[in-house]
Amino acid sequence: MRRRKGPLDLISFLRFWIRSAARDGLDPVTICREASKAVQLVAGRAPLPLRARFYLRVRGFYPVITLRTPDWGPLAFYLVRCREHGFYVSYPHGHQGYFVCPWCLEEE
C-alpha cells in the first residue's frame, strides 16, 4: 500500500476509526453512533476524495469499509448524506438496505 503525505482524508480516517473500534469490541450500533459524531466534528476540515464526493452527490451514500468480527459480520459501513443534518455513518438495515439518520430519528 502506498503511503500518502499530508493529512488523512475523511474516508481513510473513518476506515481507521471503525476498524480500531471493532477491534476494541464495540457493537455496530455504537460504532455508527460514535463515528457519526466524529464525522460531524471533522467534516469541514478533512477533505473528501473525488470519488466519494461523486457517489454522495449521485447515490447519497459511499461504502467506507466491510468488517467481520467473531461476534458479527460481514457488515458494510457507509458514509451517508442526510439532506437536513449532513453526513453520518450507518450500515444497511432490513432486506431493502435502507439507511436511517440518527438525528432524524431523535426529532420524531
C-alpha atoms as a PDB file:
ATOM      1  CA  MET A   1       0.000   0.000   0.000  1.00  0.00           C
ATOM      2  CA  ARG A   2       1.307   3.416  -0.941  1.00  0.00           C
ATOM      3  CA  ARG A   3       1.768   5.914   1.897  1.00  0.00           C
ATOM      4  CA  ARG A   4       0.446   9.394   1.265  1.00  0.00           C
ATOM      5  CA  LYS A   5       1.919  12.569   2.620  1.00  0.00           C
ATOM      6  CA  GLY A   6      -0.232  15.053   4.448  1.00  0.00           C
ATOM      7  CA  PRO A   7      -3.401  14.725   6.492  1.00  0.00           C
ATOM      8  CA  LEU A   8      -5.840  11.832   6.152  1.00  0.00           C
ATOM      9  CA  ASP A   9      -8.936  12.308   4.065  1.00  0.00           C
ATOM     10  CA  LEU A  10     -12.309  11.640   5.695  1.00  0.00           C
ATOM     11  CA  ILE A  11     -12.712   8.131   4.245  1.00  0.00           C
ATOM     12  CA  SER A  12      -9.258   6.982   5.410  1.00  0.00           C
ATOM     13  CA  PHE A  13      -9.945   8.468   8.839  1.00  0.00           C
ATOM     14  CA  LEU A  14     -13.259   6.574   9.060  1.00  0.00           C
ATOM     15  CA  ARG A  15     -11.688   3.294   7.944  1.00  0.00           C
ATOM     16  CA  PHE A  16      -9.036   3.604  10.640  1.00  0.00           C
ATOM     17  CA  TRP A  17     -11.548   4.661  13.302  1.00  0.00           C
ATOM     18  CA  ILE A  18     -14.137   1.950  12.531  1.00  0.00           C
ATOM     19  CA  ARG A  19     -11.506  -0.798  12.311  1.00  0.00           C
ATOM     20  CA  SER A  20      -9.994   0.173  15.672  1.00  0.00           C
ATOM     21  CA  ALA A  21     -13.438   0.466  17.328  1.00  0.00           C
ATOM     22  CA  ALA A  22     -14.396  -3.028  16.100  1.00  0.00           C
ATOM     23  CA  ARG A  23     -11.074  -4.364  17.355  1.00  0.00           C
ATOM     24  CA  ASP A  24     -11.883  -2.863  20.773  1.00  0.00           C
ATOM     25  CA  GLY A  25     -15.130  -4.851  20.841  1.00  0.00           C
ATOM     26  CA  LEU A  26     -17.752  -2.179  20.172  1.00  0.00           C
ATOM     27  CA  ASP A  27     -21.018  -3.280  18.574  1.00  0.00           C
ATOM     28  CA  PRO A  28     -22.114  -1.890  15.159  1.00  0.00           C
ATOM     29  CA  VAL A  29     -24.749   0.456  16.603  1.00  0.00           C
ATOM     30  CA  THR A  30     -22.235   2.079  18.956  1.00  0.00           C
ATOM     31  CA  ILE A  31     -19.643   2.291  16.185  1.00  0.00           C
ATOM     32  CA  CYS A  32     -22.109   4.102  13.905  1.00  0.00           C
ATOM     33  CA  ARG A  33     -23.227   6.487  16.649  1.00  0.00           C
ATOM     34  CA  GLU A  34     -19.695   7.437  17.690  1.00  0.00           C
ATOM     35  CA  ALA A  35     -18.342   7.575  14.119  1.00  0.00           C
ATOM     36  CA  SER A  36     -21.217   9.870  13.141  1.00  0.00           C
ATOM     37  CA  LYS A  37     -20.267  12.235  15.952  1.00  0.00           C
ATOM     38  CA  ALA A  38     -16.653  12.169  14.747  1.00  0.00           C
ATOM     39  CA  VAL A  39     -17.749  12.887  11.169  1.00  0.00           C
ATOM     40  CA  GLN A  40     -19.694  15.933  12.333  1.00  0.00           C
ATOM     41  CA  LEU A  41     -16.557  17.235  14.067  1.00  0.00           C
ATOM     42  CA  VAL A  42     -14.076  16.755  11.204  1.00  0.00           C
ATOM     43  CA  ALA A  43     -16.335  17.034   8.128  1.00  0.00           C
ATOM     44  CA  GLY A  44     -15.256  20.570   7.251  1.00  0.00           C
ATOM     45  CA  ARG A  45     -11.559  20.016   7.906  1.00  0.00           C
ATOM     46  CA  ALA A  46     -10.898  16.585   6.377  1.00  0.00           C
ATOM     47  CA  PRO A  47     -11.161  16.506   2.575  1.00  0.00           C
ATOM     48  CA  LEU A  48     -13.350  14.011   0.741  1.00  0.00           C
ATOM     49  CA  PRO A  49     -11.856  12.167  -2.246  1.00  0.00           C
ATOM     50  CA  LEU A  50     -13.383  12.978  -5.631  1.00  0.00           C
ATOM     51  CA  ARG A  51     -14.915   9.512  -5.983  1.00  0.00           C
ATOM     52  CA  ALA A  52     -16.621   9.798  -2.576  1.00  0.00           C
ATOM     53  CA  ARG A  53     -17.999  13.252  -3.421  1.00  0.00           C
ATOM     54  CA  PHE A  54     -19.396  11.885  -6.694  1.00  0.00           C
ATOM     55  CA  TYR A  55     -21.047   8.867  -5.027  1.00  0.00           C
ATOM     56  CA  LEU A  56     -22.517  11.021  -2.260  1.00  0.00           C
ATOM     57  CA  ARG A  57     -23.911  13.502  -4.780  1.00  0.00           C
ATOM     58  CA  VAL A  58     -25.388  10.862  -7.111  1.00  0.00           C
ATOM     59  CA  ARG A  59     -26.338   7.966  -4.811  1.00  0.00           C
ATOM     60  CA  GLY A  60     -26.377   9.569  -1.370  1.00  0.00           C
ATOM     61  CA  PHE A  61     -24.016   7.025   0.209  1.00  0.00           C
ATOM     62  CA  TYR A  62     -20.428   5.802  -0.151  1.00  0.00           C
ATOM     63  CA  PRO A  63     -19.029   2.475   1.112  1.00  0.00           C
ATOM     64  CA  VAL A  64     -16.321   3.000   3.715  1.00  0.00           C
ATOM     65  CA  ILE A  65     -15.357  -0.479   4.914  1.00  0.00           C
ATOM     66  CA  THR A  66     -16.709  -4.014   5.294  1.00  0.00           C
ATOM     67  CA  LEU A  67     -15.747  -5.754   8.533  1.00  0.00           C
ATOM     68  CA  ARG A  68     -16.109  -9.195  10.025  1.00  0.00           C
ATOM     69  CA  THR A  69     -15.531  -9.899  13.700  1.00  0.00           C
ATOM     70  CA  PRO A  70     -16.056 -13.059  15.753  1.00  0.00           C
ATOM     71  CA  ASP A  71     -19.353 -11.594  17.072  1.00  0.00           C
ATOM     72  CA  TRP A  72     -20.847 -10.146  13.861  1.00  0.00           C
ATOM     73  CA  GLY A  73     -20.216  -9.701  10.193  1.00  0.00           C
ATOM     74  CA  PRO A  74     -19.528  -9.270   7.453  1.00  0.00           C
ATOM     75  CA  LEU A  75     -21.092  -5.846   7.799  1.00  0.00           C
ATOM     76  CA  ALA A  76     -20.572  -2.891   5.442  1.00  0.00           C
ATOM     77  CA  PHE A  77     -20.342   0.607   6.890  1.00  0.00           C
ATOM     78  CA  TYR A  78     -21.287   3.576   4.696  1.00  0.00           C
ATOM     79  CA  LEU A  79     -20.876   7.322   4.782  1.00  0.00           C
ATOM     80  CA  VAL A  80     -24.376   8.647   4.120  1.00  0.00           C
ATOM     81  CA  ARG A  81     -25.634  12.147   3.387  1.00  0.00           C
ATOM     82  CA  CYS A  82     -28.795  13.401   5.092  1.00  0.00           C
ATOM     83  CA  ARG A  83     -30.420  16.408   3.448  1.00  0.00           C
ATOM     84  CA  GLU A  84     -31.097  18.039   6.820  1.00  0.00           C
ATOM     85  CA  HIS A  85     -28.144  17.017   9.009  1.00  0.00           C
ATOM     86  CA  GLY A  86     -25.204  16.365   6.704  1.00  0.00           C
ATOM     87  CA  PHE A  87     -23.000  13.262   6.892  1.00  0.00           C
ATOM     88  CA  TYR A  88     -23.401  10.259   9.175  1.00  0.00           C
ATOM     89  CA  VAL A  89     -22.124   6.668   9.319  1.00  0.00           C
ATOM     90  CA  SER A  90     -24.525   3.739   9.089  1.00  0.00           C
ATOM     91  CA  TYR A  91     -24.959   0.217   7.807  1.00  0.00           C
ATOM     92  CA  PRO A  92     -27.803  -1.083   5.602  1.00  0.00           C
ATOM     93  CA  HIS A  93     -30.948  -2.049   7.531  1.00  0.00           C
ATOM     94  CA  GLY A  94     -33.535  -4.646   6.541  1.00  0.00           C
ATOM     95  CA  HIS A  95     -33.884  -6.563   3.287  1.00  0.00           C
ATOM     96  CA  GLN A  96     -34.029  -3.371   1.230  1.00  0.00           C
ATOM     97  CA  GLY A  97     -30.810  -1.999   2.708  1.00  0.00           C
ATOM     98  CA  TYR A  98     -32.143   1.416   3.747  1.00  0.00           C
ATOM     99  CA  PHE A  99     -30.296   3.959   5.895  1.00  0.00           C
ATOM    100  CA  VAL A 100     -31.703   5.831   8.888  1.00  0.00           C
ATOM    101  CA  CYS A 101     -30.294   9.174  10.014  1.00  0.00           C
ATOM    102  CA  PRO A 102     -29.835   9.059  13.819  1.00  0.00           C
ATOM    103  CA  TRP A 103     -30.630  12.756  14.212  1.00  0.00           C
ATOM    104  CA  CYS A 104     -33.838  12.491  12.178  1.00  0.00           C
ATOM    105  CA  LEU A 105     -34.899   9.640  14.479  1.00  0.00           C
ATOM    106  CA  GLU A 106     -34.293  11.806  17.555  1.00  0.00           C
ATOM    107  CA  GLU A 107     -36.502  14.556  16.145  1.00  0.00           C
ATOM    108  CA  GLU A 108     -39.505  12.226  15.707  1.00  0.00           C
END
